[in-house]
N, C-alpha and C. Protein backbone atom coordinates (compact mmCIF):
# COMPACT_ATOMS: atom_id res chain seq x y z
N MET A 1 -80.65 -54.85 -25.13
CA MET A 1 -80.07 -55.78 -24.19
C MET A 1 -80.63 -57.17 -24.47
N PRO A 2 -79.75 -58.17 -24.66
CA PRO A 2 -80.24 -59.53 -24.98
C PRO A 2 -80.93 -60.15 -23.78
N ASP A 3 -81.89 -61.02 -24.08
CA ASP A 3 -82.58 -61.78 -23.03
C ASP A 3 -81.66 -62.88 -22.53
N HIS A 4 -81.67 -63.12 -21.25
CA HIS A 4 -80.90 -64.21 -20.66
C HIS A 4 -81.89 -65.21 -20.10
N ASP A 5 -81.65 -66.49 -20.38
CA ASP A 5 -82.55 -67.50 -19.83
C ASP A 5 -82.19 -67.80 -18.39
N ALA A 6 -83.05 -68.52 -17.73
CA ALA A 6 -82.85 -68.82 -16.32
C ALA A 6 -82.04 -70.10 -16.12
N SER A 7 -81.40 -70.61 -17.16
CA SER A 7 -80.61 -71.83 -17.06
C SER A 7 -79.39 -71.59 -16.19
N PRO A 8 -78.94 -72.64 -15.51
CA PRO A 8 -77.72 -72.49 -14.72
C PRO A 8 -76.55 -72.12 -15.62
N ALA A 9 -75.62 -71.38 -15.09
CA ALA A 9 -74.45 -70.98 -15.88
C ALA A 9 -73.61 -72.21 -16.19
N PRO A 10 -73.17 -72.37 -17.43
CA PRO A 10 -72.34 -73.53 -17.79
C PRO A 10 -70.94 -73.39 -17.20
N LEU A 11 -70.27 -74.52 -17.07
CA LEU A 11 -68.87 -74.50 -16.70
C LEU A 11 -68.10 -74.06 -17.93
N VAL A 12 -67.36 -72.98 -17.82
CA VAL A 12 -66.67 -72.42 -18.98
C VAL A 12 -65.18 -72.33 -18.66
N ALA A 13 -64.39 -72.86 -19.57
CA ALA A 13 -62.95 -72.82 -19.40
C ALA A 13 -62.35 -71.67 -20.21
N SER A 14 -61.38 -71.03 -19.69
CA SER A 14 -60.63 -69.98 -20.38
C SER A 14 -61.50 -68.83 -20.87
N GLY A 15 -62.64 -68.60 -20.26
CA GLY A 15 -63.48 -67.47 -20.64
C GLY A 15 -64.26 -67.68 -21.92
N LEU A 16 -64.19 -68.86 -22.50
CA LEU A 16 -64.94 -69.14 -23.72
C LEU A 16 -66.37 -69.49 -23.36
N SER A 17 -67.31 -69.00 -24.14
CA SER A 17 -68.69 -69.34 -23.86
C SER A 17 -69.11 -70.52 -24.73
N ALA A 18 -70.11 -71.25 -24.27
CA ALA A 18 -70.61 -72.41 -25.00
C ALA A 18 -72.12 -72.35 -25.03
N GLU A 19 -72.70 -73.03 -26.02
CA GLU A 19 -74.15 -73.13 -26.07
C GLU A 19 -74.62 -74.01 -24.91
N THR A 20 -75.76 -73.66 -24.33
CA THR A 20 -76.33 -74.43 -23.24
C THR A 20 -77.70 -74.92 -23.63
N PHE A 21 -77.97 -76.22 -23.38
CA PHE A 21 -79.24 -76.82 -23.70
C PHE A 21 -79.81 -77.47 -22.45
N VAL A 22 -81.06 -77.19 -22.14
CA VAL A 22 -81.74 -77.85 -21.03
C VAL A 22 -82.46 -79.06 -21.61
N VAL A 23 -82.19 -80.24 -21.05
CA VAL A 23 -82.71 -81.50 -21.58
C VAL A 23 -83.48 -82.25 -20.51
N ASP A 24 -84.34 -83.17 -20.94
CA ASP A 24 -85.17 -83.96 -20.03
C ASP A 24 -84.65 -85.36 -19.79
N ASP A 25 -83.63 -85.78 -20.51
CA ASP A 25 -83.09 -87.13 -20.37
C ASP A 25 -81.64 -87.07 -19.92
N ARG A 26 -81.23 -88.07 -19.14
CA ARG A 26 -79.85 -88.12 -18.67
C ARG A 26 -78.88 -88.59 -19.75
N VAL A 27 -79.36 -89.28 -20.77
CA VAL A 27 -78.50 -89.74 -21.87
C VAL A 27 -78.92 -88.97 -23.12
N ILE A 28 -77.97 -88.27 -23.70
CA ILE A 28 -78.27 -87.46 -24.88
C ILE A 28 -77.17 -87.70 -25.93
N ALA A 29 -77.52 -87.40 -27.18
CA ALA A 29 -76.57 -87.51 -28.28
C ALA A 29 -76.20 -86.11 -28.74
N CYS A 30 -74.94 -85.90 -29.05
CA CYS A 30 -74.49 -84.61 -29.57
C CYS A 30 -73.70 -84.87 -30.85
N ASP A 31 -74.03 -84.11 -31.89
CA ASP A 31 -73.26 -84.19 -33.14
C ASP A 31 -72.75 -82.82 -33.55
N GLY A 32 -72.84 -81.87 -32.65
CA GLY A 32 -72.33 -80.53 -32.92
C GLY A 32 -73.24 -79.68 -33.78
N GLY A 33 -74.35 -80.26 -34.26
CA GLY A 33 -75.24 -79.50 -35.13
C GLY A 33 -74.58 -79.21 -36.47
N ASP A 34 -75.09 -78.26 -37.17
CA ASP A 34 -74.54 -77.82 -38.45
C ASP A 34 -74.42 -78.92 -39.49
N GLY A 35 -75.24 -79.97 -39.40
CA GLY A 35 -75.25 -81.02 -40.41
C GLY A 35 -73.89 -81.65 -40.60
N GLY A 36 -73.39 -81.67 -41.80
CA GLY A 36 -72.11 -82.29 -42.13
C GLY A 36 -70.92 -81.54 -41.57
N LEU A 37 -71.13 -80.34 -41.07
CA LEU A 37 -70.02 -79.56 -40.52
C LEU A 37 -69.86 -79.75 -39.02
N GLY A 38 -70.68 -80.64 -38.44
CA GLY A 38 -70.61 -80.89 -37.00
C GLY A 38 -69.44 -81.81 -36.67
N HIS A 39 -69.66 -82.76 -35.79
CA HIS A 39 -68.63 -83.73 -35.41
C HIS A 39 -69.29 -85.10 -35.29
N PRO A 40 -68.51 -86.16 -35.12
CA PRO A 40 -69.10 -87.50 -34.96
C PRO A 40 -70.07 -87.50 -33.78
N ARG A 41 -71.17 -88.22 -33.92
CA ARG A 41 -72.16 -88.31 -32.85
C ARG A 41 -71.55 -89.03 -31.65
N VAL A 42 -71.70 -88.40 -30.50
CA VAL A 42 -71.26 -89.01 -29.24
C VAL A 42 -72.45 -89.05 -28.29
N TRP A 43 -72.47 -90.07 -27.45
CA TRP A 43 -73.52 -90.20 -26.45
C TRP A 43 -72.94 -89.74 -25.12
N LEU A 44 -73.67 -88.86 -24.47
CA LEU A 44 -73.23 -88.27 -23.21
C LEU A 44 -74.22 -88.63 -22.11
N ARG A 45 -73.73 -88.83 -20.91
CA ARG A 45 -74.59 -89.14 -19.77
C ARG A 45 -74.44 -88.05 -18.72
N ILE A 46 -75.56 -87.53 -18.26
CA ILE A 46 -75.56 -86.52 -17.20
C ILE A 46 -75.63 -87.27 -15.87
N GLU A 47 -74.55 -87.26 -15.14
CA GLU A 47 -74.49 -87.96 -13.85
C GLU A 47 -75.16 -87.15 -12.75
N HIS A 48 -74.94 -85.85 -12.72
CA HIS A 48 -75.48 -85.00 -11.66
C HIS A 48 -76.42 -83.97 -12.27
N ALA A 49 -75.95 -82.77 -12.49
CA ALA A 49 -76.82 -81.70 -13.00
C ALA A 49 -76.52 -81.32 -14.44
N GLN A 50 -75.27 -81.53 -14.89
CA GLN A 50 -74.92 -81.13 -16.24
C GLN A 50 -73.71 -81.90 -16.74
N THR A 51 -73.50 -81.84 -18.05
CA THR A 51 -72.32 -82.41 -18.68
C THR A 51 -72.00 -81.55 -19.90
N PHE A 52 -70.87 -81.81 -20.53
CA PHE A 52 -70.52 -81.07 -21.73
C PHE A 52 -69.95 -82.01 -22.78
N CYS A 53 -70.03 -81.57 -24.02
CA CYS A 53 -69.51 -82.36 -25.14
C CYS A 53 -68.01 -82.08 -25.29
N PRO A 54 -67.19 -83.13 -25.33
CA PRO A 54 -65.74 -82.92 -25.47
C PRO A 54 -65.33 -82.42 -26.86
N TYR A 55 -66.21 -82.55 -27.85
CA TYR A 55 -65.90 -82.06 -29.19
C TYR A 55 -66.22 -80.58 -29.35
N CYS A 56 -67.45 -80.18 -29.01
CA CYS A 56 -67.90 -78.82 -29.33
C CYS A 56 -68.16 -77.95 -28.10
N SER A 57 -68.00 -78.51 -26.92
CA SER A 57 -68.17 -77.80 -25.65
C SER A 57 -69.59 -77.37 -25.36
N ARG A 58 -70.57 -77.90 -26.07
CA ARG A 58 -71.96 -77.61 -25.71
C ARG A 58 -72.21 -78.14 -24.32
N VAL A 59 -72.98 -77.39 -23.55
CA VAL A 59 -73.29 -77.78 -22.18
C VAL A 59 -74.74 -78.26 -22.16
N TYR A 60 -74.96 -79.42 -21.55
CA TYR A 60 -76.29 -80.00 -21.41
C TYR A 60 -76.64 -80.03 -19.93
N VAL A 61 -77.73 -79.33 -19.58
CA VAL A 61 -78.18 -79.21 -18.19
C VAL A 61 -79.47 -79.99 -18.04
N LEU A 62 -79.54 -80.84 -17.04
CA LEU A 62 -80.74 -81.64 -16.80
C LEU A 62 -81.85 -80.75 -16.25
N ASN A 63 -83.00 -80.81 -16.88
CA ASN A 63 -84.18 -80.07 -16.43
C ASN A 63 -84.50 -80.48 -15.00
N LYS A 64 -84.75 -79.50 -14.15
CA LYS A 64 -85.03 -79.79 -12.73
C LYS A 64 -86.29 -80.62 -12.55
N GLN A 65 -87.23 -80.57 -13.50
CA GLN A 65 -88.45 -81.35 -13.41
C GLN A 65 -88.31 -82.75 -13.99
N ALA A 66 -87.17 -83.09 -14.56
CA ALA A 66 -86.97 -84.43 -15.13
C ALA A 66 -86.92 -85.46 -14.03
N ARG A 67 -87.48 -86.61 -14.31
CA ARG A 67 -87.42 -87.70 -13.33
C ARG A 67 -85.98 -88.16 -13.17
N HIS A 68 -85.64 -88.66 -12.00
CA HIS A 68 -84.26 -89.08 -11.73
C HIS A 68 -83.84 -90.28 -12.55
N ASP A 69 -84.80 -91.09 -13.01
CA ASP A 69 -84.44 -92.30 -13.74
C ASP A 69 -84.49 -92.11 -15.25
N HIS A 70 -84.74 -90.90 -15.74
CA HIS A 70 -84.76 -90.69 -17.18
C HIS A 70 -83.41 -91.05 -17.79
N GLY A 71 -83.45 -91.79 -18.88
CA GLY A 71 -82.25 -92.13 -19.63
C GLY A 71 -81.34 -93.15 -18.95
N HIS A 72 -81.94 -94.12 -18.27
CA HIS A 72 -81.12 -95.12 -17.59
C HIS A 72 -80.57 -96.14 -18.54
């Protein structure tokens, strides 16, 4: 049985699952990983608790211990 982390469940559309990353900053960059096989780097801002990348659907969840002003 695989281990499940205690991260909040991501918002998932159409039953598709996405990678979830817990981050400490409200502004993060996503390039899809995979080096040259990823996507153009985009900057994302977490307004509330989480956001997702419009290219690869990765979900970024703000760490509950992160300061509210991180990444202003």
